[in-house]
Amino acid sequence: MKKIALFASGSGSNAQNLIEYFSENPNVCVDSLFSNNKNAYALERAKNFGLQCFVFDRHIFYNTDDILRILVSRDIDLVVLAGFLWLVPDNILKNFTVVNIHPALLPKYGGKGMYGMNVHNAVVENRDTESGITIHYVNDIYDAGRIIFQAKCSVDPADKPEDVANKVHQLEYRYFPEVVEKVLFPGS
C-alpha cells in the first residue's frame, strides 16, 4: 500500500478532496496531515477523517530533522502539498518525492507570494483570457519544479477574481487526485 502525507496551510479543501478520493482505494492510504498553521481548517478536515495531524513552526521545519523523522517513521511514499505556502527544506526533498498544485498555468504567476487570490487578482488585472492549474514536482525554488500536468479554463472579460477562483477550484478538484494517483503508480 502506498502512503501519502499531506501538507496544508489553509482551509484544506484540496486535502479533503484527496482524502475522499483515496478513501475507497485499497492501494493508497492518506496517512497524515502536516501544517505550519495551528488554526488551519485543514486540520479539522483531516481529524474528521481520523488522520493523525502534526503542527510545526518555522524553526522545527527548517532547523531540525523532526518532520523528516516523522515522515520516515510513518513509511510515507509521497508528500503532497495541498495549499502549503512554505518552501520545502532540502532534508525532505532529498528523501521524498514532493508534488504541489498551483492555481495558475506556470510559469506565469508563480513564485513567492503568488498563491490563492493573489494569483486570480493578477490574472484578471492582466486581462488574461485563460488560467488553470499546474501540478508539478517540488524543488528548492517556488513553483519551479518539473511540470507533471496542466489544465486550462477560459477567463471571460467580465470575470471577477472570485469567478476565476471558482473555475480553477473545479479543475483542482477534478484533476489533482487523478494526477497524484498516476505519480504513485506510473504506467498504470
C-alpha atoms as a PDB file:
ATOM      1  CA  MET A   1       0.000   0.000   0.000  1.00  0.00           C
ATOM      2  CA  LYS A   2       1.237   3.497  -0.902  1.00  0.00           C
ATOM      3  CA  LYS A   3       1.077   6.134   1.838  1.00  0.00           C
ATOM      4  CA  ILE A   4       0.578   9.863   1.308  1.00  0.00           C
ATOM      5  CA  ALA A   5       1.381  12.694   3.709  1.00  0.00           C
ATOM      6  CA  LEU A   6      -0.498  15.921   3.009  1.00  0.00           C
ATOM      7  CA  PHE A   7       0.858  19.378   3.834  1.00  0.00           C
ATOM      8  CA  ALA A   8      -1.625  22.274   4.045  1.00  0.00           C
ATOM      9  CA  SER A   9      -1.613  25.811   5.430  1.00  0.00           C
ATOM     10  CA  GLY A  10      -5.237  26.869   4.964  1.00  0.00           C
ATOM     11  CA  SER A  11      -8.783  25.656   4.557  1.00  0.00           C
ATOM     12  CA  GLY A  12      -7.859  22.235   3.219  1.00  0.00           C
ATOM     13  CA  SER A  13     -10.476  21.756   0.512  1.00  0.00           C
ATOM     14  CA  ASN A  14      -7.915  20.085  -1.765  1.00  0.00           C
ATOM     15  CA  ALA A  15      -6.687  17.971   1.133  1.00  0.00           C
ATOM     16  CA  GLN A  16     -10.236  16.799   1.854  1.00  0.00           C
ATOM     17  CA  ASN A  17     -10.791  16.059  -1.829  1.00  0.00           C
ATOM     18  CA  LEU A  18      -7.686  13.851  -1.849  1.00  0.00           C
ATOM     19  CA  ILE A  19      -8.713  12.095   1.372  1.00  0.00           C
ATOM     20  CA  GLU A  20     -12.176  11.353  -0.018  1.00  0.00           C
ATOM     21  CA  TYR A  21     -10.836  10.249  -3.414  1.00  0.00           C
ATOM     22  CA  PHE A  22      -8.464   7.688  -1.887  1.00  0.00           C
ATOM     23  CA  SER A  23     -10.755   6.574   0.955  1.00  0.00           C
ATOM     24  CA  GLU A  24     -12.076   3.592  -1.026  1.00  0.00           C
ATOM     25  CA  ASN A  25      -8.776   2.724  -2.708  1.00  0.00           C
ATOM     26  CA  PRO A  26      -7.188  -0.357  -1.098  1.00  0.00           C
ATOM     27  CA  ASN A  27      -3.805   0.525  -2.649  1.00  0.00           C
ATOM     28  CA  VAL A  28      -3.493   4.071  -1.259  1.00  0.00           C
ATOM     29  CA  CYS A  29      -3.711   5.487   2.242  1.00  0.00           C
ATOM     30  CA  VAL A  30      -3.755   9.192   3.015  1.00  0.00           C
ATOM     31  CA  ASP A  31      -1.822   8.738   6.228  1.00  0.00           C
ATOM     32  CA  SER A  32      -1.450  12.139   7.843  1.00  0.00           C
ATOM     33  CA  LEU A  33      -1.665  15.892   7.506  1.00  0.00           C
ATOM     34  CA  PHE A  34       1.079  18.364   8.404  1.00  0.00           C
ATOM     35  CA  SER A  35       0.506  22.080   8.858  1.00  0.00           C
ATOM     36  CA  ASN A  36       2.522  25.171   9.648  1.00  0.00           C
ATOM     37  CA  ASN A  37      -0.686  26.893  10.823  1.00  0.00           C
ATOM     38  CA  LYS A  38      -2.258  25.670  14.075  1.00  0.00           C
ATOM     39  CA  ASN A  39      -5.515  27.401  13.044  1.00  0.00           C
ATOM     40  CA  ALA A  40      -5.716  25.843   9.569  1.00  0.00           C
ATOM     41  CA  TYR A  41      -9.158  24.401   8.908  1.00  0.00           C
ATOM     42  CA  ALA A  42      -7.334  21.638   7.027  1.00  0.00           C
ATOM     43  CA  LEU A  43      -6.504  20.160  10.451  1.00  0.00           C
ATOM     44  CA  GLU A  44     -10.194  19.865  11.346  1.00  0.00           C
ATOM     45  CA  ARG A  45     -10.999  18.305   7.991  1.00  0.00           C
ATOM     46  CA  ALA A  46      -8.217  15.741   8.430  1.00  0.00           C
ATOM     47  CA  LYS A  47      -9.232  14.917  12.025  1.00  0.00           C
ATOM     48  CA  ASN A  48     -12.809  14.329  10.821  1.00  0.00           C
ATOM     49  CA  PHE A  49     -11.398  11.504   8.680  1.00  0.00           C
ATOM     50  CA  GLY A  50      -9.305  10.099  11.524  1.00  0.00           C
ATOM     51  CA  LEU A  51      -5.955  11.265  10.177  1.00  0.00           C
ATOM     52  CA  GLN A  52      -3.100  11.987  12.519  1.00  0.00           C
ATOM     53  CA  CYS A  53      -2.107  15.659  12.344  1.00  0.00           C
ATOM     54  CA  PHE A  54       1.196  17.364  13.016  1.00  0.00           C
ATOM     55  CA  VAL A  55       1.684  21.102  13.532  1.00  0.00           C
ATOM     56  CA  PHE A  56       5.103  22.675  13.327  1.00  0.00           C
ATOM     57  CA  ASP A  57       6.730  26.076  13.330  1.00  0.00           C
ATOM     58  CA  ARG A  58       9.424  27.599  11.142  1.00  0.00           C
ATOM     59  CA  HIS A  59      12.248  26.539  13.487  1.00  0.00           C
ATOM     60  CA  ILE A  60      11.181  22.884  13.559  1.00  0.00           C
ATOM     61  CA  PHE A  61      10.665  22.769   9.782  1.00  0.00           C
ATOM     62  CA  TYR A  62      13.910  24.423   8.725  1.00  0.00           C
ATOM     63  CA  ASN A  63      16.355  23.793  11.577  1.00  0.00           C
ATOM     64  CA  THR A  64      15.626  20.237  12.720  1.00  0.00           C
ATOM     65  CA  ASP A  65      15.013  16.812  11.213  1.00  0.00           C
ATOM     66  CA  ASP A  66      11.812  16.344  13.258  1.00  0.00           C
ATOM     67  CA  ILE A  67       9.424  16.393  10.288  1.00  0.00           C
ATOM     68  CA  LEU A  68      11.726  14.195   8.224  1.00  0.00           C
ATOM     69  CA  ARG A  69      11.879  11.656  11.063  1.00  0.00           C
ATOM     70  CA  ILE A  70       8.084  11.550  11.335  1.00  0.00           C
ATOM     71  CA  LEU A  71       7.690  11.024   7.586  1.00  0.00           C
ATOM     72  CA  VAL A  72      10.285   8.238   7.582  1.00  0.00           C
ATOM     73  CA  SER A  73       8.792   6.554  10.652  1.00  0.00           C
ATOM     74  CA  ARG A  74       5.349   6.532   9.000  1.00  0.00           C
ATOM     75  CA  ASP A  75       6.737   4.928   5.788  1.00  0.00           C
ATOM     76  CA  ILE A  76       5.444   7.746   3.600  1.00  0.00           C
ATOM     77  CA  ASP A  77       5.748   7.172  -0.156  1.00  0.00           C
ATOM     78  CA  LEU A  78       4.688  10.600  -1.405  1.00  0.00           C
ATOM     79  CA  VAL A  79       4.402  14.085   0.078  1.00  0.00           C
ATOM     80  CA  VAL A  80       1.593  16.163  -1.433  1.00  0.00           C
ATOM     81  CA  LEU A  81       1.333  19.904  -0.909  1.00  0.00           C
ATOM     82  CA  ALA A  82      -2.332  20.899  -0.920  1.00  0.00           C
ATOM     83  CA  GLY A  83      -2.245  24.615  -0.288  1.00  0.00           C
ATOM     84  CA  PHE A  84       1.040  24.681   1.603  1.00  0.00           C
ATOM     85  CA  LEU A  85       2.847  28.017   1.411  1.00  0.00           C
ATOM     86  CA  TRP A  86       6.422  27.396   2.593  1.00  0.00           C
ATOM     87  CA  LEU A  87       9.404  26.165   0.620  1.00  0.00           C
ATOM     88  CA  VAL A  88      10.156  22.552   1.448  1.00  0.00           C
ATOM     89  CA  PRO A  89      13.613  22.124   3.024  1.00  0.00           C
ATOM     90  CA  ASP A  90      16.355  20.049   1.414  1.00  0.00           C
ATOM     91  CA  ASN A  91      16.273  17.320   4.057  1.00  0.00           C
ATOM     92  CA  ILE A  92      12.741  16.393   2.928  1.00  0.00           C
ATOM     93  CA  LEU A  93      13.346  16.990  -0.801  1.00  0.00           C
ATOM     94  CA  LYS A  94      16.356  14.642  -0.755  1.00  0.00           C
ATOM     95  CA  ASN A  95      14.346  11.833   0.836  1.00  0.00           C
ATOM     96  CA  PHE A  96      10.863  12.138  -0.665  1.00  0.00           C
ATOM     97  CA  THR A  97       9.095  12.868  -3.898  1.00  0.00           C
ATOM     98  CA  VAL A  98       7.050  16.015  -3.287  1.00  0.00           C
ATOM     99  CA  VAL A  99       4.177  17.171  -5.513  1.00  0.00           C
ATOM    100  CA  ASN A 100       2.397  20.538  -5.444  1.00  0.00           C
ATOM    101  CA  ILE A 101      -0.636  22.096  -7.076  1.00  0.00           C
ATOM    102  CA  HIS A 102      -0.535  25.725  -8.209  1.00  0.00           C
ATOM    103  CA  PRO A 103      -3.610  27.786  -9.196  1.00  0.00           C
ATOM    104  CA  ALA A 104      -2.164  29.120 -12.454  1.00  0.00           C
ATOM    105  CA  LEU A 105      -0.527  27.978 -15.645  1.00  0.00           C
ATOM    106  CA  LEU A 106       3.117  28.046 -14.633  1.00  0.00           C
ATOM    107  CA  PRO A 107       5.495  29.626 -15.338  1.00  0.00           C
ATOM    108  CA  LYS A 108       3.005  32.516 -15.273  1.00  0.00           C
ATOM    109  CA  TYR A 109       2.037  33.757 -11.812  1.00  0.00           C
ATOM    110  CA  GLY A 110       4.447  31.563  -9.904  1.00  0.00           C
ATOM    111  CA  GLY A 111       6.904  32.361  -7.164  1.00  0.00           C
ATOM    112  CA  LYS A 112       6.866  33.660  -3.627  1.00  0.00           C
ATOM    113  CA  GLY A 113       3.616  35.374  -2.709  1.00  0.00           C
ATOM    114  CA  MET A 114       1.755  34.024  -5.721  1.00  0.00           C
ATOM    115  CA  TYR A 115      -0.977  31.871  -4.198  1.00  0.00           C
ATOM    116  CA  GLY A 116      -4.759  31.891  -3.906  1.00  0.00           C
ATOM    117  CA  MET A 117      -6.490  35.166  -4.612  1.00  0.00           C
ATOM    118  CA  ASN A 118      -3.168  36.908  -5.329  1.00  0.00           C
ATOM    119  CA  VAL A 119      -2.929  34.770  -8.466  1.00  0.00           C
ATOM    120  CA  HIS A 120      -6.552  35.247  -9.522  1.00  0.00           C
ATOM    121  CA  ASN A 121      -6.350  39.018  -8.995  1.00  0.00           C
ATOM    122  CA  ALA A 122      -3.250  39.139 -11.213  1.00  0.00           C
ATOM    123  CA  VAL A 123      -4.947  37.089 -13.939  1.00  0.00           C
ATOM    124  CA  VAL A 124      -7.923  39.478 -14.024  1.00  0.00           C
ATOM    125  CA  GLU A 125      -5.785  42.631 -13.776  1.00  0.00           C
ATOM    126  CA  ASN A 126      -3.679  41.465 -16.732  1.00  0.00           C
ATOM    127  CA  ARG A 127      -6.823  40.631 -18.740  1.00  0.00           C
ATOM    128  CA  ASP A 128      -5.647  37.082 -19.414  1.00  0.00           C
ATOM    129  CA  THR A 129      -8.044  35.007 -21.493  1.00  0.00           C
ATOM    130  CA  GLU A 130      -7.187  31.752 -19.741  1.00  0.00           C
ATOM    131  CA  SER A 131      -5.974  30.417 -16.432  1.00  0.00           C
ATOM    132  CA  GLY A 132      -5.816  26.974 -14.915  1.00  0.00           C
ATOM    133  CA  ILE A 133      -3.821  24.667 -12.707  1.00  0.00           C
ATOM    134  CA  THR A 134      -0.329  23.264 -12.722  1.00  0.00           C
ATOM    135  CA  ILE A 135       0.639  20.127 -10.829  1.00  0.00           C
ATOM    136  CA  HIS A 136       4.405  19.891 -10.513  1.00  0.00           C
ATOM    137  CA  TYR A 137       7.254  18.284  -8.657  1.00  0.00           C
ATOM    138  CA  VAL A 138       8.688  20.441  -5.893  1.00  0.00           C
ATOM    139  CA  ASN A 139      12.281  21.607  -5.803  1.00  0.00           C
ATOM    140  CA  ASP A 140      14.089  24.291  -3.816  1.00  0.00           C
ATOM    141  CA  ILE A 141      12.602  27.221  -5.790  1.00  0.00           C
ATOM    142  CA  TYR A 142       8.951  28.299  -5.509  1.00  0.00           C
ATOM    143  CA  ASP A 143       6.892  26.808  -8.352  1.00  0.00           C
ATOM    144  CA  ALA A 144       9.928  25.914 -10.463  1.00  0.00           C
ATOM    145  CA  GLY A 145       9.832  22.108 -10.342  1.00  0.00           C
ATOM    146  CA  ARG A 146       9.175  19.965 -13.402  1.00  0.00           C
ATOM    147  CA  ILE A 147       5.572  20.204 -14.574  1.00  0.00           C
ATOM    148  CA  ILE A 148       3.562  16.979 -14.429  1.00  0.00           C
ATOM    149  CA  PHE A 149       0.172  18.229 -15.645  1.00  0.00           C
ATOM    150  CA  GLN A 150      -1.711  21.379 -16.609  1.00  0.00           C
ATOM    151  CA  ALA A 151      -5.401  22.039 -17.243  1.00  0.00           C
ATOM    152  CA  LYS A 152      -6.884  25.265 -18.588  1.00  0.00           C
ATOM    153  CA  CYS A 153     -10.068  27.230 -18.168  1.00  0.00           C
ATOM    154  CA  SER A 154     -11.232  30.310 -20.030  1.00  0.00           C
ATOM    155  CA  VAL A 155     -11.329  33.704 -18.382  1.00  0.00           C
ATOM    156  CA  ASP A 156     -14.110  35.928 -19.679  1.00  0.00           C
ATOM    157  CA  PRO A 157     -13.702  39.725 -19.806  1.00  0.00           C
ATOM    158  CA  ALA A 158     -16.484  40.111 -17.210  1.00  0.00           C
ATOM    159  CA  ASP A 159     -14.957  37.576 -14.778  1.00  0.00           C
ATOM    160  CA  LYS A 160     -14.004  38.819 -11.357  1.00  0.00           C
ATOM    161  CA  PRO A 161     -11.145  37.181  -9.412  1.00  0.00           C
ATOM    162  CA  GLU A 162     -13.730  35.123  -7.463  1.00  0.00           C
ATOM    163  CA  ASP A 163     -15.095  33.760 -10.761  1.00  0.00           C
ATOM    164  CA  VAL A 164     -11.606  32.715 -11.843  1.00  0.00           C
ATOM    165  CA  ALA A 165     -11.029  31.132  -8.427  1.00  0.00           C
ATOM    166  CA  ASN A 166     -14.210  29.062  -8.803  1.00  0.00           C
ATOM    167  CA  LYS A 167     -13.184  27.830 -12.259  1.00  0.00           C
ATOM    168  CA  VAL A 168      -9.702  26.959 -11.033  1.00  0.00           C
ATOM    169  CA  HIS A 169     -11.065  25.135  -7.962  1.00  0.00           C
ATOM    170  CA  GLN A 170     -13.191  22.941 -10.209  1.00  0.00           C
ATOM    171  CA  LEU A 171     -10.072  21.954 -12.157  1.00  0.00           C
ATOM    172  CA  GLU A 172      -8.191  21.258  -8.915  1.00  0.00           C
ATOM    173  CA  TYR A 173     -10.925  19.013  -7.548  1.00  0.00           C
ATOM    174  CA  ARG A 174     -11.266  17.139 -10.824  1.00  0.00           C
ATOM    175  CA  TYR A 175      -7.628  16.528 -11.709  1.00  0.00           C
ATOM    176  CA  PHE A 176      -5.450  16.673  -8.588  1.00  0.00           C
ATOM    177  CA  PRO A 177      -6.385  13.240  -7.161  1.00  0.00           C
ATOM    178  CA  GLU A 178      -6.046  11.538 -10.562  1.00  0.00           C
ATOM    179  CA  VAL A 179      -2.605  13.030 -11.156  1.00  0.00           C
ATOM    180  CA  VAL A 180      -1.434  12.109  -7.647  1.00  0.00           C
ATOM    181  CA  GLU A 181      -2.563   8.548  -8.315  1.00  0.00           C
ATOM    182  CA  LYS A 182      -0.560   8.491 -11.573  1.00  0.00           C
ATOM    183  CA  VAL A 183       2.529   9.746  -9.732  1.00  0.00           C
ATOM    184  CA  LEU A 184       2.081   6.924  -7.192  1.00  0.00           C
ATOM    185  CA  PHE A 185       1.546   4.313  -9.907  1.00  0.00           C
ATOM    186  CA  PRO A 186       3.399   5.400 -13.044  1.00  0.00           C
ATOM    187  CA  GLY A 187       2.479   3.499 -16.171  1.00  0.00           C
ATOM    188  CA  SER A 188      -0.883   2.333 -14.836  1.00  0.00           C
END
